[in-house]
Every structure is written in structure tokens, then in C-alpha cells.
Amino acid sequence: MQQYFKLLLLTIVMASCEQHPFKNGQQGRCVGVKDGDTIVVVIDGVQTTIRLAEVDCPEKRQAFGQRAKQFTSDLCFGRQVSVEAKNKDRYGRTVGIVYIDDNTVLNKELVKAGFAWRYVQYSEDAEYGTLENEARAAKKGLWAGANPIAPWEYRKTNNTSSPHHKKKSQPVEQEEEVEVES
């Protein structure tokens, strides 16, 4: 009988691995990039807003915010992706890990390129901290700037806590001219 359960368990594990090449997440096409850490994916015919887990990119009006958005767009817009949903945030968005292919995790690529911080308050994976430290040391992306301000600090001082908040009277912060490695 124990042999039977081992075989059954092995069969279930093997079947789940074969179902899907992207870590058993839901597959869909990325049809929109709202900002560096928020995309829109059509999954089973339904548009779903995905907030990338573990990371926080500069806000759109913040230095490097537009570059982070462009980086995300370059990697996933129009492509088939897979989403490993972790939970929902207070705005109803799915929070998850986005796989571009078997070996590329969008969330990690943003940190590695210097276009996102590890969102320590919500991060469970220490690898994001390692990637951030490496990007800082190499002065990649926003780390090439003189004094990068974490997005959660920027939101506090600019009263932009909602993902739908638009502050029209405030000019976009100017980015410093720096070399950006891709």
C-alpha cells in the first residue's frame, strides 16, 4: 500500500511539472505596462493587473520611473508570460512573480538592472537583496544617481499612496544624465 502512495505521489508531481513550462503559473499575454512594477496580462480572456512581488520600482514621476517602465515593456510587452500569483493587494491587484521564459524572472531582472529596489517590507526571497547590492555596487540604473530615493519614501513625501493617484501640478523629476547598462 505504501508503494502505491509513493507511485501516486510521483505521478502527480510529474504531471504537474509537465502541464506548464513556467513554474505552474497561469499563462497569458502581456498587453499593458502601467509602470515598472505593474503590468496587465490577459489570462483566459480576462485582463488582469499584476503587481510584481518582491520589488518596488520608482514612481512614473520619479527619477528613473520612466526608464523602469520602458525596461519592463522591453522585456514583456506583447509576449507570452506566466504569473505565479502570491496574493492580492489592497487595490485588488494580483501580486505575483512574472516569468518571461523558463529562466527569466521579470521581477529579478528589474532589480538586477538597477530599476527596482527589493521591497523589503513585503519580500520573502533574500536573493532580491543580493541582486540589489550587486546593482548598487556596479552603479547600474538608478544606482548611478547621486541620491536615489526609495519609492515608498517618495510616495510619503509626495502623497502618492494610491496606484490611481495622479498629481498633475507637480513636474516630473528630472533624471540625471548617466550611463545605463542593459
N, C-alpha and C. Protein backbone atom coordinates (compact mmCIF):
# COMPACT_ATOMS: atom_id res chain seq x y z
N MET A 1 0.82 -1.19 0.00
CA MET A 1 0.00 0.00 0.00
C MET A 1 0.87 1.26 0.00
N GLN A 2 1.95 1.25 0.77
CA GLN A 2 2.86 2.40 0.83
C GLN A 2 3.49 2.63 -0.55
N GLN A 3 3.80 1.56 -1.23
CA GLN A 3 4.37 1.63 -2.57
C GLN A 3 3.39 2.34 -3.52
N TYR A 4 2.10 2.03 -3.38
CA TYR A 4 1.07 2.63 -4.21
C TYR A 4 1.03 4.15 -4.01
N PHE A 5 1.08 4.61 -2.76
CA PHE A 5 1.03 6.04 -2.47
C PHE A 5 2.27 6.76 -3.00
N LYS A 6 3.41 6.13 -2.91
CA LYS A 6 4.63 6.72 -3.45
C LYS A 6 4.51 6.89 -4.96
N LEU A 7 3.99 5.86 -5.62
CA LEU A 7 3.82 5.92 -7.07
C LEU A 7 2.79 6.99 -7.44
N LEU A 8 1.70 7.06 -6.69
CA LEU A 8 0.68 8.07 -6.94
C LEU A 8 1.25 9.48 -6.76
N LEU A 9 1.98 9.69 -5.69
CA LEU A 9 2.60 10.99 -5.45
C LEU A 9 3.57 11.37 -6.56
N LEU A 10 4.40 10.43 -6.96
CA LEU A 10 5.34 10.67 -8.05
C LEU A 10 4.61 11.02 -9.34
N THR A 11 3.53 10.33 -9.63
CA THR A 11 2.75 10.60 -10.84
C THR A 11 2.16 12.01 -10.81
N ILE A 12 1.64 12.41 -9.65
CA ILE A 12 1.06 13.75 -9.52
C ILE A 12 2.13 14.82 -9.71
N VAL A 13 3.28 14.62 -9.09
CA VAL A 13 4.37 15.59 -9.22
C VAL A 13 4.82 15.69 -10.66
N MET A 14 5.01 14.57 -11.32
CA MET A 14 5.45 14.56 -12.72
C MET A 14 4.40 15.23 -13.61
N ALA A 15 3.14 14.96 -13.39
CA ALA A 15 2.08 15.56 -14.21
C ALA A 15 2.04 17.06 -14.03
N SER A 16 2.20 17.53 -12.81
CA SER A 16 2.14 18.97 -12.58
C SER A 16 3.33 19.67 -13.22
N CYS A 17 4.48 19.03 -13.27
CA CYS A 17 5.65 19.63 -13.90
C CYS A 17 5.49 19.69 -15.41
N GLU A 18 4.80 18.74 -15.99
CA GLU A 18 4.65 18.69 -17.43
C GLU A 18 3.55 19.63 -17.94
N GLN A 19 2.61 19.99 -17.08
CA GLN A 19 1.49 20.81 -17.51
C GLN A 19 1.94 22.16 -18.05
N HIS A 20 3.01 22.66 -17.56
CA HIS A 20 3.27 24.06 -17.76
C HIS A 20 4.75 24.36 -17.66
N PRO A 21 5.33 25.01 -18.63
CA PRO A 21 6.77 25.26 -18.57
C PRO A 21 7.17 26.40 -17.63
N PHE A 22 6.22 27.14 -17.08
CA PHE A 22 6.53 28.31 -16.28
C PHE A 22 6.16 28.14 -14.81
N LYS A 23 6.75 27.25 -14.12
CA LYS A 23 6.57 27.11 -12.67
C LYS A 23 5.10 26.97 -12.28
N ASN A 24 4.31 26.35 -13.11
CA ASN A 24 2.90 26.09 -12.83
C ASN A 24 2.06 27.33 -12.60
N GLY A 25 2.44 28.45 -13.18
CA GLY A 25 1.64 29.67 -13.08
C GLY A 25 0.62 29.75 -14.20
N GLN A 26 -0.19 30.79 -14.15
CA GLN A 26 -1.16 31.00 -15.21
C GLN A 26 -0.48 31.72 -16.36
N GLN A 27 -0.73 31.25 -17.57
CA GLN A 27 -0.12 31.87 -18.74
C GLN A 27 -1.06 32.89 -19.37
N GLY A 28 -0.45 33.92 -19.96
CA GLY A 28 -1.22 34.92 -20.66
C GLY A 28 -0.29 35.83 -21.43
N ARG A 29 -0.88 36.76 -22.17
CA ARG A 29 -0.10 37.72 -22.96
C ARG A 29 -0.10 39.06 -22.25
N CYS A 30 1.07 39.66 -22.14
CA CYS A 30 1.19 40.99 -21.55
C CYS A 30 0.68 42.00 -22.57
N VAL A 31 -0.38 42.72 -22.20
CA VAL A 31 -0.99 43.68 -23.12
C VAL A 31 -0.83 45.12 -22.65
N GLY A 32 -0.21 45.30 -21.48
CA GLY A 32 -0.03 46.65 -20.98
C GLY A 32 1.03 46.72 -19.91
N VAL A 33 1.69 47.87 -19.85
CA VAL A 33 2.68 48.14 -18.80
C VAL A 33 2.29 49.48 -18.19
N LYS A 34 1.79 49.44 -16.97
CA LYS A 34 1.34 50.66 -16.30
C LYS A 34 2.52 51.44 -15.74
N ASP A 35 3.46 50.73 -15.17
CA ASP A 35 4.71 51.32 -14.69
C ASP A 35 5.71 50.19 -14.53
N GLY A 36 6.86 50.47 -13.94
CA GLY A 36 7.90 49.46 -13.89
C GLY A 36 7.52 48.18 -13.19
N ASP A 37 6.65 48.27 -12.18
CA ASP A 37 6.31 47.07 -11.42
C ASP A 37 4.83 46.68 -11.51
N THR A 38 4.13 47.17 -12.53
CA THR A 38 2.72 46.82 -12.70
C THR A 38 2.43 46.62 -14.19
N ILE A 39 1.96 45.42 -14.52
CA ILE A 39 1.64 45.10 -15.91
C ILE A 39 0.20 44.59 -16.00
N VAL A 40 -0.30 44.51 -17.23
CA VAL A 40 -1.62 43.96 -17.49
C VAL A 40 -1.44 42.74 -18.37
N VAL A 41 -2.02 41.63 -17.93
CA VAL A 41 -1.89 40.36 -18.64
C VAL A 41 -3.30 39.83 -18.93
N VAL A 42 -3.51 39.35 -20.15
CA VAL A 42 -4.78 38.69 -20.48
C VAL A 42 -4.59 37.20 -20.20
N ILE A 43 -5.33 36.72 -19.21
CA ILE A 43 -5.29 35.31 -18.82
C ILE A 43 -6.68 34.74 -19.01
N ASP A 44 -6.79 33.72 -19.85
CA ASP A 44 -8.08 33.10 -20.14
C ASP A 44 -9.12 34.12 -20.57
N GLY A 45 -8.70 35.10 -21.39
CA GLY A 45 -9.60 36.10 -21.93
C GLY A 45 -9.93 37.24 -20.98
N VAL A 46 -9.34 37.26 -19.79
CA VAL A 46 -9.64 38.30 -18.81
C VAL A 46 -8.38 39.13 -18.55
N GLN A 47 -8.52 40.48 -18.66
CA GLN A 47 -7.39 41.35 -18.35
C GLN A 47 -7.20 41.39 -16.84
N THR A 48 -5.97 41.12 -16.43
CA THR A 48 -5.64 41.08 -15.01
C THR A 48 -4.45 41.99 -14.75
N THR A 49 -4.58 42.89 -13.78
CA THR A 49 -3.46 43.75 -13.41
C THR A 49 -2.57 42.98 -12.44
N ILE A 50 -1.29 42.92 -12.77
CA ILE A 50 -0.31 42.19 -11.97
C ILE A 50 0.66 43.19 -11.37
N ARG A 51 0.75 43.19 -10.05
CA ARG A 51 1.75 44.00 -9.32
C ARG A 51 2.89 43.04 -9.01
N LEU A 52 4.09 43.36 -9.48
CA LEU A 52 5.22 42.46 -9.30
C LEU A 52 5.58 42.32 -7.82
N ALA A 53 5.66 41.09 -7.36
CA ALA A 53 6.01 40.79 -5.97
C ALA A 53 7.49 41.04 -5.74
N GLU A 54 7.85 41.30 -4.50
CA GLU A 54 9.23 41.40 -4.03
C GLU A 54 9.95 42.70 -4.40
N VAL A 55 9.40 43.50 -5.33
CA VAL A 55 10.13 44.67 -5.83
C VAL A 55 9.28 45.93 -5.75
N ASP A 56 9.96 47.07 -5.81
CA ASP A 56 9.28 48.36 -5.89
C ASP A 56 10.11 49.24 -6.82
N CYS A 57 9.51 49.63 -7.93
CA CYS A 57 10.18 50.49 -8.91
C CYS A 57 9.91 51.95 -8.59
N PRO A 58 10.76 52.84 -9.10
CA PRO A 58 10.47 54.27 -8.95
C PRO A 58 9.10 54.60 -9.54
N GLU A 59 8.42 55.55 -8.94
CA GLU A 59 7.14 56.02 -9.47
C GLU A 59 7.36 56.67 -10.83
N LYS A 60 6.31 56.72 -11.66
CA LYS A 60 6.44 57.28 -13.01
C LYS A 60 6.98 58.70 -13.00
N ARG A 61 6.60 59.50 -12.02
CA ARG A 61 7.03 60.90 -11.96
C ARG A 61 8.35 61.07 -11.22
N GLN A 62 8.90 59.97 -10.75
CA GLN A 62 10.15 59.97 -10.00
C GLN A 62 11.31 59.69 -10.96
N ALA A 63 12.50 60.15 -10.59
CA ALA A 63 13.68 59.85 -11.41
C ALA A 63 13.77 58.34 -11.64
N PHE A 64 14.01 57.97 -12.89
CA PHE A 64 14.15 56.59 -13.34
C PHE A 64 12.82 55.83 -13.42
N GLY A 65 11.71 56.49 -13.10
CA GLY A 65 10.41 55.85 -13.21
C GLY A 65 10.06 55.47 -14.64
N GLN A 66 10.31 56.39 -15.58
CA GLN A 66 10.01 56.10 -16.99
C GLN A 66 10.97 55.06 -17.56
N ARG A 67 12.21 55.09 -17.11
CA ARG A 67 13.18 54.08 -17.58
C ARG A 67 12.81 52.69 -17.07
N ALA A 68 12.33 52.62 -15.83
CA ALA A 68 11.89 51.33 -15.28
C ALA A 68 10.70 50.80 -16.08
N LYS A 69 9.76 51.70 -16.41
CA LYS A 69 8.60 51.30 -17.21
C LYS A 69 9.05 50.80 -18.58
N GLN A 70 9.97 51.51 -19.22
CA GLN A 70 10.46 51.12 -20.54
C GLN A 70 11.19 49.76 -20.47
N PHE A 71 11.97 49.56 -19.43
CA PHE A 71 12.69 48.29 -19.25
C PHE A 71 11.70 47.14 -19.15
N THR A 72 10.66 47.32 -18.34
CA THR A 72 9.63 46.29 -18.19
C THR A 72 8.94 46.03 -19.52
N SER A 73 8.60 47.09 -20.22
CA SER A 73 7.95 46.96 -21.52
C SER A 73 8.83 46.21 -22.51
N ASP A 74 10.11 46.56 -22.56
CA ASP A 74 11.03 45.89 -23.48
C ASP A 74 11.11 44.39 -23.21
N LEU A 75 11.01 44.00 -21.96
CA LEU A 75 11.13 42.59 -21.61
C LEU A 75 9.85 41.78 -21.83
N CYS A 76 8.68 42.41 -21.61
CA CYS A 76 7.49 41.55 -21.62
C CYS A 76 6.31 42.01 -22.47
N PHE A 77 6.25 43.26 -22.91
CA PHE A 77 5.06 43.71 -23.65
C PHE A 77 4.86 42.90 -24.93
N GLY A 78 3.65 42.40 -25.10
CA GLY A 78 3.30 41.63 -26.28
C GLY A 78 3.74 40.18 -26.23
N ARG A 79 4.39 39.80 -25.17
CA ARG A 79 4.91 38.43 -25.05
C ARG A 79 4.03 37.56 -24.15
N GLN A 80 4.15 36.28 -24.37
CA GLN A 80 3.51 35.30 -23.51
C GLN A 80 4.30 35.24 -22.20
N VAL A 81 3.62 35.37 -21.09
CA VAL A 81 4.27 35.31 -19.78
C VAL A 81 3.48 34.33 -18.90
N SER A 82 4.07 34.02 -17.77
CA SER A 82 3.40 33.20 -16.79
C SER A 82 3.43 33.95 -15.46
N VAL A 83 2.35 33.84 -14.72
CA VAL A 83 2.25 34.56 -13.46
C VAL A 83 2.06 33.55 -12.32
N GLU A 84 2.96 33.60 -11.37
CA GLU A 84 2.82 32.80 -10.15
C GLU A 84 2.23 33.74 -9.10
N ALA A 85 0.91 33.67 -8.95
CA ALA A 85 0.21 34.58 -8.04
C ALA A 85 0.56 34.26 -6.59
N LYS A 86 0.85 35.31 -5.83
CA LYS A 86 1.16 35.17 -4.41
C LYS A 86 -0.05 35.56 -3.55
N ASN A 87 -0.67 36.69 -3.90
CA ASN A 87 -1.84 37.17 -3.16
C ASN A 87 -2.45 38.34 -3.93
N LYS A 88 -3.37 39.04 -3.27
CA LYS A 88 -3.98 40.27 -3.81
C LYS A 88 -3.56 41.40 -2.90
N ASP A 89 -3.35 42.59 -3.49
CA ASP A 89 -3.01 43.73 -2.65
C ASP A 89 -4.28 44.50 -2.27
N ARG A 90 -4.12 45.57 -1.53
CA ARG A 90 -5.28 46.31 -1.05
C ARG A 90 -6.07 46.99 -2.16
N TYR A 91 -5.50 47.07 -3.37
CA TYR A 91 -6.18 47.66 -4.51
C TYR A 91 -6.82 46.59 -5.40
N GLY A 92 -6.74 45.33 -4.98
CA GLY A 92 -7.35 44.24 -5.74
C GLY A 92 -6.47 43.68 -6.84
N ARG A 93 -5.24 44.17 -6.95
CA ARG A 93 -4.34 43.66 -7.98
C ARG A 93 -3.75 42.32 -7.54
N THR A 94 -3.49 41.46 -8.50
CA THR A 94 -2.79 40.22 -8.22
C THR A 94 -1.32 40.55 -8.02
N VAL A 95 -0.74 40.09 -6.93
CA VAL A 95 0.67 40.29 -6.66
C VAL A 95 1.36 38.97 -6.99
N GLY A 96 2.38 39.02 -7.86
CA GLY A 96 2.99 37.77 -8.25
C GLY A 96 4.35 37.89 -8.89
N ILE A 97 4.91 36.75 -9.16
CA ILE A 97 6.18 36.61 -9.85
C ILE A 97 5.85 36.38 -11.33
N VAL A 98 6.51 37.12 -12.22
CA VAL A 98 6.24 37.00 -13.66
C VAL A 98 7.44 36.35 -14.34
N TYR A 99 7.16 35.26 -15.02
CA TYR A 99 8.18 34.51 -15.76
C TYR A 99 8.04 34.86 -17.24
N ILE A 100 9.13 35.27 -17.84
CA ILE A 100 9.12 35.60 -19.27
C ILE A 100 9.42 34.34 -20.09
N ASP A 101 10.26 33.51 -19.56
CA ASP A 101 10.53 32.18 -20.12
C ASP A 101 10.98 31.30 -18.98
N ASP A 102 11.43 30.11 -19.28
CA ASP A 102 11.80 29.17 -18.22
C ASP A 102 12.84 29.70 -17.24
N ASN A 103 13.71 30.57 -17.69
CA ASN A 103 14.82 31.01 -16.85
C ASN A 103 14.84 32.49 -16.52
N THR A 104 13.87 33.25 -16.97
CA THR A 104 13.90 34.70 -16.78
C THR A 104 12.72 35.14 -15.93
N VAL A 105 13.03 35.74 -14.78
CA VAL A 105 12.01 36.26 -13.87
C VAL A 105 12.05 37.78 -13.99
N LEU A 106 10.97 38.35 -14.50
CA LEU A 106 10.90 39.80 -14.70
C LEU A 106 11.24 40.55 -13.42
N ASN A 107 10.67 40.13 -12.30
CA ASN A 107 10.89 40.81 -11.03
C ASN A 107 12.39 40.92 -10.72
N LYS A 108 13.12 39.84 -10.90
CA LYS A 108 14.55 39.82 -10.60
C LYS A 108 15.35 40.62 -11.63
N GLU A 109 14.92 40.60 -12.86
CA GLU A 109 15.63 41.35 -13.91
C GLU A 109 15.59 42.84 -13.62
N LEU A 110 14.48 43.34 -13.10
CA LEU A 110 14.37 44.76 -12.75
C LEU A 110 15.38 45.14 -11.67
N VAL A 111 15.51 44.32 -10.66
CA VAL A 111 16.45 44.60 -9.57
C VAL A 111 17.88 44.48 -10.09
N LYS A 112 18.14 43.45 -10.86
CA LYS A 112 19.48 43.20 -11.41
C LYS A 112 19.96 44.36 -12.28
N ALA A 113 19.03 44.96 -13.05
CA ALA A 113 19.38 46.07 -13.94
C ALA A 113 19.41 47.42 -13.23
N GLY A 114 19.03 47.44 -11.96
CA GLY A 114 19.05 48.69 -11.21
C GLY A 114 17.83 49.56 -11.42
N PHE A 115 16.70 48.95 -11.75
CA PHE A 115 15.47 49.71 -11.95
C PHE A 115 14.42 49.42 -10.89
N ALA A 116 14.81 48.72 -9.82
CA ALA A 116 13.89 48.44 -8.72
C ALA A 116 14.67 48.17 -7.45
N TRP A 117 14.02 48.45 -6.35
CA TRP A 117 14.52 48.10 -5.03
C TRP A 117 13.90 46.76 -4.65
N ARG A 118 14.58 46.03 -3.81
CA ARG A 118 13.91 44.91 -3.14
C ARG A 118 12.93 45.58 -2.18
N TYR A 119 11.65 45.18 -2.25
CA TYR A 119 10.63 45.76 -1.39
C TYR A 119 10.65 44.99 -0.07
N VAL A 120 11.61 45.38 0.77
CA VAL A 120 11.94 44.63 1.99
C VAL A 120 10.71 44.34 2.84
N GLN A 121 9.81 45.30 2.94
CA GLN A 121 8.61 45.13 3.77
C GLN A 121 7.78 43.92 3.32
N TYR A 122 7.81 43.60 2.03
CA TYR A 122 6.97 42.52 1.50
C TYR A 122 7.78 41.38 0.88
N SER A 123 9.08 41.44 0.95
CA SER A 123 9.92 40.45 0.27
C SER A 123 10.22 39.26 1.17
N GLU A 124 10.11 38.09 0.58
CA GLU A 124 10.41 36.84 1.29
C GLU A 124 11.65 36.16 0.74
N ASP A 125 12.18 36.63 -0.36
CA ASP A 125 13.29 35.98 -1.04
C ASP A 125 14.55 36.84 -0.92
N ALA A 126 15.51 36.34 -0.16
CA ALA A 126 16.76 37.09 0.10
C ALA A 126 17.57 37.34 -1.17
N GLU A 127 17.35 36.56 -2.22
CA GLU A 127 18.10 36.77 -3.47
C GLU A 127 17.90 38.17 -4.02
N TYR A 128 16.73 38.76 -3.79
CA TYR A 128 16.48 40.12 -4.26
C TYR A 128 17.43 41.11 -3.59
N GLY A 129 17.74 40.88 -2.33
CA GLY A 129 18.70 41.74 -1.63
C GLY A 129 20.09 41.62 -2.22
N THR A 130 20.48 40.40 -2.57
CA THR A 130 21.78 40.17 -3.20
C THR A 130 21.84 40.87 -4.55
N LEU A 131 20.78 40.73 -5.35
CA LEU A 131 20.74 41.38 -6.67
C LEU A 131 20.80 42.90 -6.54
N GLU A 132 20.10 43.44 -5.55
CA GLU A 132 20.12 44.89 -5.34
C GLU A 132 21.53 45.35 -4.96
N ASN A 133 22.17 44.63 -4.05
CA ASN A 133 23.52 45.01 -3.63
C ASN A 133 24.51 44.96 -4.79
N GLU A 134 24.36 43.97 -5.67
CA GLU A 134 25.23 43.88 -6.84
C GLU A 134 24.99 45.04 -7.80
N ALA A 135 23.72 45.41 -8.02
CA ALA A 135 23.40 46.54 -8.89
C ALA A 135 23.93 47.85 -8.30
N ARG A 136 23.79 48.01 -7.00
CA ARG A 136 24.32 49.21 -6.32
C ARG A 136 25.83 49.31 -6.51
N ALA A 137 26.52 48.20 -6.25
CA ALA A 137 27.98 48.19 -6.36
C ALA A 137 28.44 48.51 -7.78
N ALA A 138 27.70 48.04 -8.77
CA ALA A 138 28.05 48.28 -10.17
C ALA A 138 27.50 49.61 -10.68
N LYS A 139 26.76 50.34 -9.83
CA LYS A 139 26.14 51.62 -10.19
C LYS A 139 25.26 51.49 -11.45
N LYS A 140 24.46 50.44 -11.48
CA LYS A 140 23.54 50.22 -12.59
C LYS A 140 22.26 51.00 -12.38
N GLY A 141 21.68 51.46 -13.50
CA GLY A 141 20.38 52.11 -13.46
C GLY A 141 20.31 53.25 -12.47
N LEU A 142 19.31 53.22 -11.59
CA LEU A 142 19.10 54.31 -10.65
C LEU A 142 20.24 54.43 -9.64
N TRP A 143 21.03 53.40 -9.49
CA TRP A 143 22.15 53.46 -8.54
C TRP A 143 23.30 54.31 -9.06
N ALA A 144 23.23 54.72 -10.32
CA ALA A 144 24.24 55.64 -10.86
C ALA A 144 23.95 57.06 -10.42
N GLY A 145 22.73 57.32 -9.97
CA GLY A 145 22.35 58.65 -9.50
C GLY A 145 23.00 58.97 -8.16
N ALA A 146 23.02 60.25 -7.83
CA ALA A 146 23.69 60.70 -6.61
C ALA A 146 22.96 60.27 -5.34
N ASN A 147 21.64 60.34 -5.33
CA ASN A 147 20.91 60.06 -4.11
C ASN A 147 19.55 59.44 -4.44
N PRO A 148 19.52 58.16 -4.83
CA PRO A 148 18.24 57.54 -5.17
C PRO A 148 17.30 57.53 -3.97
N ILE A 149 16.05 57.86 -4.22
CA ILE A 149 15.04 57.87 -3.16
C ILE A 149 14.13 56.67 -3.37
N ALA A 150 14.01 55.86 -2.35
CA ALA A 150 13.15 54.67 -2.43
C ALA A 150 11.72 55.09 -2.73
N PRO A 151 11.02 54.34 -3.56
CA PRO A 151 9.65 54.72 -3.95
C PRO A 151 8.71 54.88 -2.75
N TRP A 152 8.85 54.05 -1.71
CA TRP A 152 7.97 54.17 -0.56
C TRP A 152 8.22 55.49 0.18
N GLU A 153 9.45 55.99 0.15
CA GLU A 153 9.75 57.29 0.74
C GLU A 153 9.21 58.41 -0.15
N TYR A 154 9.37 58.25 -1.45
CA TYR A 154 8.86 59.23 -2.41
C TYR A 154 7.34 59.36 -2.27
N ARG A 155 6.64 58.23 -2.14
CA ARG A 155 5.18 58.27 -2.01
C ARG A 155 4.76 59.00 -0.74
N LYS A 156 5.51 58.82 0.33
CA LYS A 156 5.19 59.51 1.59
C LYS A 156 5.29 61.02 1.43
N THR A 157 6.36 61.49 0.81
CA THR A 157 6.58 62.93 0.70
C THR A 157 5.78 63.57 -0.42
N ASN A 158 5.31 62.78 -1.37
CA ASN A 158 4.55 63.33 -2.50
C ASN A 158 3.08 62.92 -2.47
N ASN A 159 2.66 62.28 -1.37
CA ASN A 159 1.27 61.91 -1.18
C ASN A 159 0.71 61.12 -2.36
N THR A 160 1.45 60.12 -2.80
CA THR A 160 1.01 59.29 -3.93
C THR A 160 0.89 57.84 -3.49
N SER A 161 0.06 57.56 -2.51
CA SER A 161 -0.05 56.20 -1.99
C SER A 161 -0.94 55.30 -2.84
N SER A 162 -1.85 55.87 -3.59
CA SER A 162 -2.76 55.07 -4.41
C SER A 162 -2.15 54.83 -5.79
N PRO A 163 -2.38 53.63 -6.36
CA PRO A 163 -1.86 53.39 -7.71
C PRO A 163 -2.60 54.19 -8.76
N HIS A 164 -3.72 54.80 -8.39
CA HIS A 164 -4.52 55.57 -9.35
C HIS A 164 -4.37 57.07 -9.16
N HIS A 165 -3.54 57.47 -8.19
CA HIS A 165 -3.34 58.89 -7.88
C HIS A 165 -2.52 59.55 -8.97
N LYS A 166 -2.98 60.69 -9.43
CA LYS A 166 -2.22 61.46 -10.42
C LYS A 166 -2.07 62.87 -9.89
N LYS A 167 -0.86 63.29 -9.76
CA LYS A 167 -0.57 64.64 -9.26
C LYS A 167 -0.19 65.48 -10.47
N LYS A 168 -1.14 66.23 -10.99
CA LYS A 168 -0.93 66.96 -12.23
C LYS A 168 -0.12 68.24 -12.08
N SER A 169 -0.16 68.84 -10.91
CA SER A 169 0.50 70.12 -10.75
C SER A 169 2.00 70.00 -10.51
N GLN A 170 2.47 68.81 -10.24
CA GLN A 170 3.89 68.63 -9.91
C GLN A 170 4.66 68.17 -11.15
N PRO A 171 5.77 68.83 -11.47
CA PRO A 171 6.53 68.41 -12.64
C PRO A 171 7.23 67.07 -12.41
N VAL A 172 7.50 66.39 -13.51
CA VAL A 172 8.25 65.14 -13.43
C VAL A 172 9.66 65.45 -13.00
N GLU A 173 10.17 64.66 -12.05
CA GLU A 173 11.54 64.89 -11.60
C GLU A 173 12.50 64.57 -12.74
N GLN A 174 13.51 65.38 -12.86
CA GLN A 174 14.49 65.19 -13.91
C GLN A 174 15.47 64.09 -13.52
N GLU A 175 15.79 63.25 -14.49
CA GLU A 175 16.77 62.21 -14.25
C GLU A 175 18.14 62.77 -14.54
N GLU A 176 19.11 62.32 -13.79
CA GLU A 176 20.47 62.71 -14.05
C GLU A 176 20.95 62.00 -15.31
N GLU A 177 21.84 62.64 -16.04
CA GLU A 177 22.44 62.01 -17.21
C GLU A 177 23.46 61.00 -16.73
N VAL A 178 23.16 59.74 -16.92
CA VAL A 178 24.08 58.68 -16.50
C VAL A 178 24.10 57.60 -17.57
N GLU A 179 25.18 56.87 -17.59
CA GLU A 179 25.27 55.71 -18.47
C GLU A 179 24.44 54.58 -17.85
N VAL A 180 23.61 53.94 -18.65
CA VAL A 180 22.79 52.85 -18.16
C VAL A 180 23.17 51.60 -18.93
N GLU A 181 23.57 50.56 -18.17
CA GLU A 181 23.91 49.30 -18.81
C GLU A 181 22.64 48.49 -18.96
N SER A 182 22.53 47.78 -20.04
CA SER A 182 21.34 46.92 -20.25
C SER A 182 21.68 45.50 -19.98
